Amino acid sequence: MFDERDRAILDFEREWWQHPGAKEDAIRQTFGLSPARYYQVLGKLMDSEAALAYDPMLVKRLHRVREDRQSSRQKRVNPDSPEKN
């Protein structure tokens, strides 16, 4: 289900840098969620077809960021493994 909170999270993620202060503080103030819970919700949301339809550029960018982080994490954990490209 894609609701107003989901839209608000995607809108926030697109424009969070405009909020004063730390992103974590803005997450708490805006959504009443801990940053960890926010990122859990965002991760699930960005894998939904509804989110992709709502803001395809943002969702694709978030996927690239997640893939880059996973790749970096894998390199730290197993530096001798060949790169996948």
N, C-alpha and C. Protein backbone atom coordinates (compact mmCIF):
# COMPACT_ATOMS: atom_id res chain seq x y z
N MET A 1 0.84 -1.18 0.00
CA MET A 1 0.00 0.00 0.00
C MET A 1 0.89 1.25 0.00
N PHE A 2 0.60 2.19 -0.86
CA PHE A 2 1.37 3.43 -1.00
C PHE A 2 0.48 4.56 -0.49
N ASP A 3 0.86 5.17 0.63
CA ASP A 3 0.01 6.17 1.26
C ASP A 3 0.72 7.51 1.38
N GLU A 4 0.10 8.42 2.09
CA GLU A 4 0.65 9.78 2.27
C GLU A 4 2.01 9.75 2.95
N ARG A 5 2.17 8.89 3.95
CA ARG A 5 3.47 8.81 4.63
C ARG A 5 4.56 8.36 3.65
N ASP A 6 4.23 7.42 2.80
CA ASP A 6 5.19 6.95 1.81
C ASP A 6 5.59 8.09 0.87
N ARG A 7 4.63 8.83 0.41
CA ARG A 7 4.92 9.99 -0.45
C ARG A 7 5.79 11.01 0.30
N ALA A 8 5.43 11.25 1.57
CA ALA A 8 6.17 12.21 2.38
C ALA A 8 7.62 11.76 2.57
N ILE A 9 7.83 10.47 2.76
CA ILE A 9 9.20 9.95 2.93
C ILE A 9 9.99 10.15 1.64
N LEU A 10 9.39 9.83 0.50
CA LEU A 10 10.10 10.03 -0.77
C LEU A 10 10.36 11.51 -1.02
N ASP A 11 9.39 12.34 -0.73
CA ASP A 11 9.58 13.79 -0.89
C ASP A 11 10.70 14.29 0.03
N PHE A 12 10.69 13.82 1.27
CA PHE A 12 11.74 14.21 2.22
C PHE A 12 13.10 13.75 1.71
N GLU A 13 13.18 12.53 1.24
CA GLU A 13 14.47 11.99 0.78
C GLU A 13 15.00 12.78 -0.41
N ARG A 14 14.12 13.27 -1.23
CA ARG A 14 14.51 14.07 -2.38
C ARG A 14 15.05 15.44 -1.95
N GLU A 15 14.55 15.97 -0.82
CA GLU A 15 14.86 17.35 -0.45
C GLU A 15 15.40 17.51 0.97
N TRP A 16 15.88 16.44 1.59
CA TRP A 16 16.27 16.52 3.01
C TRP A 16 17.36 17.53 3.27
N TRP A 17 18.22 17.75 2.30
CA TRP A 17 19.35 18.67 2.50
C TRP A 17 18.89 20.11 2.72
N GLN A 18 17.63 20.40 2.41
CA GLN A 18 17.10 21.75 2.62
C GLN A 18 16.69 21.98 4.07
N HIS A 19 16.60 20.91 4.86
CA HIS A 19 16.24 21.05 6.27
C HIS A 19 17.46 21.50 7.07
N PRO A 20 17.26 22.41 8.00
CA PRO A 20 18.40 22.83 8.82
C PRO A 20 18.82 21.70 9.76
N GLY A 21 20.08 21.64 10.06
CA GLY A 21 20.58 20.66 11.01
C GLY A 21 20.84 19.30 10.39
N ALA A 22 21.02 18.33 11.27
CA ALA A 22 21.35 16.98 10.83
C ALA A 22 20.12 16.28 10.27
N LYS A 23 20.37 15.41 9.30
CA LYS A 23 19.28 14.65 8.69
C LYS A 23 18.55 13.80 9.74
N GLU A 24 19.30 13.22 10.66
CA GLU A 24 18.70 12.37 11.68
C GLU A 24 17.71 13.16 12.54
N ASP A 25 18.06 14.40 12.87
CA ASP A 25 17.15 15.24 13.65
C ASP A 25 15.89 15.57 12.85
N ALA A 26 16.06 15.86 11.56
CA ALA A 26 14.92 16.16 10.70
C ALA A 26 14.00 14.94 10.57
N ILE A 27 14.59 13.74 10.51
CA ILE A 27 13.79 12.52 10.44
C ILE A 27 12.94 12.38 11.70
N ARG A 28 13.55 12.58 12.85
CA ARG A 28 12.81 12.47 14.12
C ARG A 28 11.69 13.51 14.20
N GLN A 29 12.00 14.75 13.83
CA GLN A 29 11.01 15.82 13.91
C GLN A 29 9.89 15.63 12.90
N THR A 30 10.22 15.25 11.69
CA THR A 30 9.24 15.16 10.62
C THR A 30 8.35 13.93 10.73
N PHE A 31 8.95 12.77 11.05
CA PHE A 31 8.21 11.52 11.00
C PHE A 31 8.01 10.85 12.36
N GLY A 32 8.71 11.33 13.38
CA GLY A 32 8.60 10.70 14.68
C GLY A 32 9.18 9.29 14.69
N LEU A 33 10.14 9.05 13.82
CA LEU A 33 10.79 7.75 13.71
C LEU A 33 12.26 7.88 14.07
N SER A 34 12.81 6.79 14.58
CA SER A 34 14.27 6.77 14.74
C SER A 34 14.88 6.67 13.34
N PRO A 35 16.09 7.15 13.17
CA PRO A 35 16.72 7.02 11.86
C PRO A 35 16.80 5.57 11.38
N ALA A 36 17.06 4.63 12.29
CA ALA A 36 17.13 3.22 11.88
C ALA A 36 15.80 2.76 11.31
N ARG A 37 14.71 3.10 11.99
CA ARG A 37 13.38 2.69 11.49
C ARG A 37 13.06 3.39 10.18
N TYR A 38 13.40 4.66 10.06
CA TYR A 38 13.18 5.41 8.82
C TYR A 38 13.86 4.70 7.65
N TYR A 39 15.12 4.30 7.84
CA TYR A 39 15.84 3.66 6.74
C TYR A 39 15.29 2.28 6.44
N GLN A 40 14.73 1.59 7.42
CA GLN A 40 14.05 0.32 7.15
C GLN A 40 12.82 0.56 6.27
N VAL A 41 12.04 1.55 6.63
CA VAL A 41 10.84 1.89 5.85
C VAL A 41 11.24 2.34 4.45
N LEU A 42 12.24 3.19 4.36
CA LEU A 42 12.69 3.68 3.05
C LEU A 42 13.19 2.53 2.18
N GLY A 43 13.95 1.61 2.76
CA GLY A 43 14.46 0.48 2.00
C GLY A 43 13.35 -0.37 1.42
N LYS A 44 12.34 -0.63 2.21
CA LYS A 44 11.20 -1.40 1.72
C LYS A 44 10.42 -0.61 0.68
N LEU A 45 10.25 0.67 0.95
CA LEU A 45 9.50 1.53 0.05
C LEU A 45 10.16 1.64 -1.32
N MET A 46 11.47 1.80 -1.33
CA MET A 46 12.15 2.01 -2.62
C MET A 46 12.16 0.76 -3.49
N ASP A 47 11.79 -0.39 -2.93
CA ASP A 47 11.67 -1.61 -3.72
C ASP A 47 10.26 -1.82 -4.25
N SER A 48 9.37 -0.88 -3.98
CA SER A 48 7.98 -1.03 -4.42
C SER A 48 7.77 -0.39 -5.80
N GLU A 49 6.88 -1.01 -6.54
CA GLU A 49 6.51 -0.47 -7.86
C GLU A 49 5.83 0.89 -7.73
N ALA A 50 5.08 1.08 -6.67
CA ALA A 50 4.38 2.35 -6.47
C ALA A 50 5.37 3.50 -6.29
N ALA A 51 6.44 3.27 -5.55
CA ALA A 51 7.46 4.30 -5.35
C ALA A 51 8.17 4.60 -6.67
N LEU A 52 8.45 3.56 -7.43
CA LEU A 52 9.10 3.75 -8.73
C LEU A 52 8.21 4.57 -9.66
N ALA A 53 6.92 4.31 -9.63
CA ALA A 53 5.98 5.07 -10.45
C ALA A 53 5.87 6.52 -9.97
N TYR A 54 5.93 6.72 -8.65
CA TYR A 54 5.78 8.06 -8.07
C TYR A 54 6.97 8.96 -8.39
N ASP A 55 8.18 8.43 -8.26
CA ASP A 55 9.38 9.24 -8.49
C ASP A 55 10.51 8.34 -9.00
N PRO A 56 10.46 8.00 -10.29
CA PRO A 56 11.44 7.05 -10.83
C PRO A 56 12.89 7.51 -10.71
N MET A 57 13.16 8.78 -10.90
CA MET A 57 14.55 9.25 -10.82
C MET A 57 15.11 9.09 -9.42
N LEU A 58 14.33 9.45 -8.41
CA LEU A 58 14.77 9.32 -7.03
C LEU A 58 14.99 7.86 -6.67
N VAL A 59 14.04 7.02 -7.00
CA VAL A 59 14.14 5.61 -6.64
C VAL A 59 15.35 4.97 -7.32
N LYS A 60 15.58 5.28 -8.56
CA LYS A 60 16.75 4.74 -9.26
C LYS A 60 18.05 5.24 -8.63
N ARG A 61 18.07 6.51 -8.23
CA ARG A 61 19.27 7.05 -7.56
C ARG A 61 19.49 6.35 -6.22
N LEU A 62 18.42 6.13 -5.47
CA LEU A 62 18.54 5.44 -4.19
C LEU A 62 19.03 4.00 -4.39
N HIS A 63 18.60 3.36 -5.46
CA HIS A 63 19.10 2.01 -5.76
C HIS A 63 20.60 2.03 -6.05
N ARG A 64 21.03 3.02 -6.82
CA ARG A 64 22.48 3.13 -7.13
C ARG A 64 23.28 3.36 -5.85
N VAL A 65 22.80 4.23 -4.99
CA VAL A 65 23.49 4.51 -3.73
C VAL A 65 23.58 3.24 -2.89
N ARG A 66 22.47 2.50 -2.80
CA ARG A 66 22.46 1.27 -2.02
C ARG A 66 23.44 0.25 -2.62
N GLU A 67 23.45 0.11 -3.94
CA GLU A 67 24.36 -0.83 -4.58
C GLU A 67 25.81 -0.43 -4.35
N ASP A 68 26.11 0.86 -4.42
CA ASP A 68 27.48 1.34 -4.17
C ASP A 68 27.90 1.03 -2.73
N ARG A 69 27.00 1.24 -1.78
CA ARG A 69 27.32 0.96 -0.38
C ARG A 69 27.53 -0.53 -0.15
N GLN A 70 26.69 -1.35 -0.77
CA GLN A 70 26.85 -2.79 -0.63
C GLN A 70 28.17 -3.25 -1.23
N SER A 71 28.55 -2.68 -2.36
CA SER A 71 29.81 -3.03 -3.00
C SER A 71 30.99 -2.62 -2.13
N SER A 72 30.93 -1.41 -1.57
CA SER A 72 32.00 -0.94 -0.69
C SER A 72 32.11 -1.81 0.55
N ARG A 73 30.96 -2.19 1.11
CA ARG A 73 30.96 -3.04 2.29
C ARG A 73 31.57 -4.40 1.96
N GLN A 74 31.21 -4.95 0.80
CA GLN A 74 31.75 -6.24 0.40
C GLN A 74 33.27 -6.18 0.21
N LYS A 75 33.77 -5.09 -0.33
CA LYS A 75 35.21 -4.92 -0.53
C LYS A 75 35.94 -4.86 0.81
N ARG A 76 35.32 -4.24 1.82
CA ARG A 76 35.94 -4.17 3.14
C ARG A 76 35.95 -5.54 3.81
N VAL A 77 34.87 -6.29 3.62
CA VAL A 77 34.76 -7.59 4.25
C VAL A 77 35.65 -8.62 3.56
N ASN A 78 35.71 -8.56 2.24
CA ASN A 78 36.47 -9.54 1.47
C ASN A 78 37.28 -8.81 0.39
N PRO A 79 38.39 -8.19 0.75
CA PRO A 79 39.14 -7.37 -0.19
C PRO A 79 39.76 -8.15 -1.35
N ASP A 80 39.89 -9.46 -1.24
CA ASP A 80 40.52 -10.24 -2.30
C ASP A 80 39.52 -10.75 -3.34
N SER A 81 38.23 -10.53 -3.16
CA SER A 81 37.25 -11.04 -4.12
C SER A 81 37.27 -10.18 -5.37
N PRO A 82 37.06 -10.80 -6.54
CA PRO A 82 37.03 -10.03 -7.79
C PRO A 82 35.80 -9.13 -7.84
N GLU A 83 35.94 -7.99 -8.49
CA GLU A 83 34.83 -7.05 -8.63
C GLU A 83 33.82 -7.60 -9.60
N LYS A 84 32.53 -7.32 -9.33
CA LYS A 84 31.45 -7.71 -10.23
C LYS A 84 31.03 -6.50 -11.02
N ASN A 85 31.24 -6.52 -12.30
CA ASN A 85 30.80 -5.41 -13.19
C ASN A 85 30.39 -5.95 -14.50
